[in-house]
Every structure is written in structure tokens, then in C-alpha cells.
Amino acid sequence: MTTTLHISPSKHVYELQQEFSKTYPFLRLDFYLSRLTEPGRPVLTKKLITTSTLLKDAGLKKDGDLDISGTMTVAELEKLITERYGMNVQVVRRSGNIWLETTMTDDWTLQQQNDHGREITTHGTLPEDAPDDFDLERGSL
């Protein structure tokens, strides 16, 4: 399945995150500021850009539509966004109640990452409409 992200300077980070999450609900795009340590070599700082930031203030160099396929790897997506749009992103995966960087599994496809996040997050949990406690009375035999 292919989804298209509409990238424009007047869009906020959270709006792009929402577009991405419609297709990949267990993944998120985090945006970071970068600095140059050597000519032409950006290094990600751990300064996370707030979600209320406009993309033009998050490093966006040009606008456009980005087609994303589930067969694209995390590394490919991150590189494409950096090279084409000038923004530094990190794909993170939901794992229960926390979000983990996917740096060790950047060679996985977006669909694999999303499926893994779903498995980890929903495995062993009760449905949302389940009662808060269980009736342990089993009756007499």
C-alpha cells in the first residue's frame, strides 16, 4: 500500500505525523535539529523539534508530495526525507506505552516495523471494553 505525505512549509510537524500515522499507527516520525560537524556531514543532535513547529522551521528546503510504500525500509525513508526535503527524521516504533528508536532495525520495511509494533503493543493485553476485574466465583461443582 502506498500513501502520500503532503509536505509544505506552512504545515506543522504534528500534521505530518498524523498523516504518516494514518497508514502506520504503530510508527511515528520524530524531527531533530542538526548541526554540521564536517563539511557536508549532518549529525543529528538529540534536540527533538516540538510538534507545534512549522516544517519551514524544522529545516524544510522545498515542498512536495512524498509517496511512501510499505516495502520501503526505515533507512530509505529517513534518507529520502533528509536528502529531498532537508529535514532530519527518526522513525520510532511503539512498544507498549513507550516509543523506541528503530536504529537497530533500520533495514526493516515500514510494514515490518508497524506489524512488530502492533504485536508488541497488543500482545497479552485485554480489549479496551474488557471489565476492570474478573469474577473468580466459579460456582460449586
Protein backbone atom coordinates (compact mmCIF):
# COMPACT_ATOMS: atom_id res chain seq x y z
CA MET A 1 0.00 0.00 0.00
CA THR A 2 1.26 3.46 -0.89
CA THR A 3 0.47 6.64 0.99
CA THR A 4 1.33 10.20 0.05
CA LEU A 5 2.58 12.77 2.54
CA HIS A 6 1.94 16.37 1.52
CA ILE A 7 4.96 18.37 2.68
CA SER A 8 4.66 22.16 2.80
CA PRO A 9 6.32 24.97 4.78
CA SER A 10 3.03 26.02 6.39
CA LYS A 11 2.33 22.55 7.79
CA HIS A 12 3.16 21.71 11.41
CA VAL A 13 5.23 18.70 12.46
CA TYR A 14 2.19 17.15 14.17
CA GLU A 15 0.15 17.37 10.96
CA LEU A 16 2.77 15.40 9.03
CA GLN A 17 2.97 12.91 11.91
CA GLN A 18 -0.81 12.44 11.77
CA GLU A 19 -0.73 11.82 8.01
CA PHE A 20 2.01 9.21 8.48
CA SER A 21 0.22 7.55 11.40
CA LYS A 22 -2.96 7.02 9.40
CA THR A 23 -1.10 4.32 7.49
CA TYR A 24 1.42 3.29 10.17
CA PRO A 25 -0.32 3.71 13.55
CA PHE A 26 2.49 2.00 15.46
CA LEU A 27 5.22 4.21 13.96
CA ARG A 28 5.97 7.90 14.36
CA LEU A 29 8.28 10.39 12.66
CA ASP A 30 10.36 12.40 15.13
CA PHE A 31 12.10 15.52 13.83
CA TYR A 32 15.52 16.66 15.08
CA LEU A 33 17.67 19.73 14.65
CA SER A 34 21.01 19.04 13.02
CA ARG A 35 24.40 20.64 13.09
CA LEU A 36 27.37 20.24 10.78
CA THR A 37 30.50 18.73 12.29
CA GLU A 38 32.32 18.35 8.99
CA PRO A 39 31.52 19.91 5.64
CA GLY A 40 28.50 18.11 4.23
CA ARG A 41 28.08 15.65 7.09
CA PRO A 42 24.99 16.38 9.17
CA VAL A 43 24.93 14.89 12.64
CA LEU A 44 21.67 14.50 14.47
CA THR A 45 21.58 16.18 17.81
CA LYS A 46 19.20 14.84 20.36
CA LYS A 47 17.26 18.10 20.28
CA LEU A 48 13.78 16.99 19.37
CA ILE A 49 11.74 19.54 17.46
CA THR A 50 8.37 20.19 19.07
CA THR A 51 5.29 19.01 17.23
CA SER A 52 3.88 22.55 17.04
CA THR A 53 6.86 23.67 14.91
CA LEU A 54 6.21 24.58 11.29
CA LEU A 55 8.06 22.42 8.78
CA LYS A 56 9.78 25.54 7.39
CA ASP A 57 11.34 25.97 10.86
CA ALA A 58 12.24 22.27 11.05
CA GLY A 59 14.69 22.58 8.15
CA LEU A 60 12.34 22.12 5.18
CA LYS A 61 14.18 23.14 2.00
CA LYS A 62 11.38 22.52 -0.51
CA ASP A 63 7.79 21.36 -0.56
CA GLY A 64 6.24 18.47 -2.46
CA ASP A 65 4.46 15.16 -2.22
CA LEU A 66 6.28 12.14 -0.84
CA ASP A 67 5.00 8.70 -1.83
CA ILE A 68 5.72 6.09 0.81
CA SER A 69 5.34 2.36 0.32
CA GLY A 70 5.20 -0.33 2.99
CA THR A 71 8.12 -2.04 1.25
CA MET A 72 10.36 1.00 1.81
CA THR A 73 12.86 0.49 4.62
CA VAL A 74 13.16 2.84 7.56
CA ALA A 75 16.67 3.81 6.42
CA GLU A 76 15.40 4.62 2.92
CA LEU A 77 12.61 6.83 4.25
CA GLU A 78 14.86 8.71 6.67
CA LYS A 79 17.49 9.27 3.95
CA LEU A 80 14.88 10.37 1.40
CA ILE A 81 13.35 12.95 3.72
CA THR A 82 16.79 14.32 4.62
CA GLU A 83 18.10 14.47 1.05
CA ARG A 84 14.94 15.65 -0.71
CA TYR A 85 13.44 17.95 1.92
CA GLY A 86 16.36 18.84 4.22
CA MET A 87 14.70 17.62 7.41
CA ASN A 88 16.24 15.16 9.84
CA VAL A 89 13.82 12.49 10.97
CA GLN A 90 13.97 9.33 13.01
CA VAL A 91 11.30 6.66 12.74
CA VAL A 92 10.27 5.43 16.17
CA ARG A 93 8.14 2.37 16.93
CA ARG A 94 5.53 1.99 19.62
CA SER A 95 6.33 -0.71 22.14
CA GLY A 96 3.54 -0.85 24.68
CA ASN A 97 3.37 2.60 26.26
CA ILE A 98 6.77 3.84 25.06
CA TRP A 99 8.33 4.80 21.73
CA LEU A 100 11.66 3.23 20.73
CA GLU A 101 14.14 4.33 18.07
CA THR A 102 14.45 1.80 15.26
CA THR A 103 18.18 2.31 14.70
CA MET A 104 18.99 -1.39 15.15
CA THR A 105 16.29 -2.41 12.66
CA ASP A 106 16.56 0.38 10.07
CA ASP A 107 16.80 -2.30 7.37
CA TRP A 108 13.24 -3.47 8.15
CA THR A 109 10.43 -2.23 5.95
CA LEU A 110 7.89 0.23 7.29
CA GLN A 111 5.27 -2.52 7.20
CA GLN A 112 7.51 -4.91 9.18
CA GLN A 113 8.18 -2.20 11.78
CA ASN A 114 4.49 -1.33 12.08
CA ASP A 115 3.48 -5.01 12.36
CA HIS A 116 6.12 -5.57 15.05
CA GLY A 117 4.90 -2.52 16.97
CA ARG A 118 1.34 -3.86 16.79
CA GLU A 119 2.42 -7.30 18.05
CA ILE A 120 4.41 -5.87 20.96
CA THR A 121 1.77 -3.33 21.92
CA THR A 122 -1.30 -5.57 21.73
CA HIS A 123 0.19 -8.92 22.79
CA GLY A 124 -1.18 -10.11 26.09
CA THR A 125 -3.46 -7.13 26.63
CA LEU A 126 -7.18 -7.11 27.17
CA PRO A 127 -9.60 -5.48 24.78
CA GLU A 128 -10.47 -1.90 25.74
CA ASP A 129 -14.05 -2.87 26.61
CA ALA A 130 -12.98 -5.69 28.97
CA PRO A 131 -14.08 -5.39 32.60
CA ASP A 132 -11.56 -3.97 35.06
CA ASP A 133 -11.55 -7.15 37.13
CA PHE A 134 -12.68 -10.72 36.76
CA ASP A 135 -15.34 -12.72 38.53
CA LEU A 136 -13.41 -15.56 40.11
CA GLU A 137 -16.51 -17.24 41.52
CA ARG A 138 -16.78 -20.48 39.64
CA GLY A 139 -19.76 -21.94 41.42
CA SER A 140 -19.91 -25.24 43.18
CA LEU A 141 -19.05 -28.46 41.46
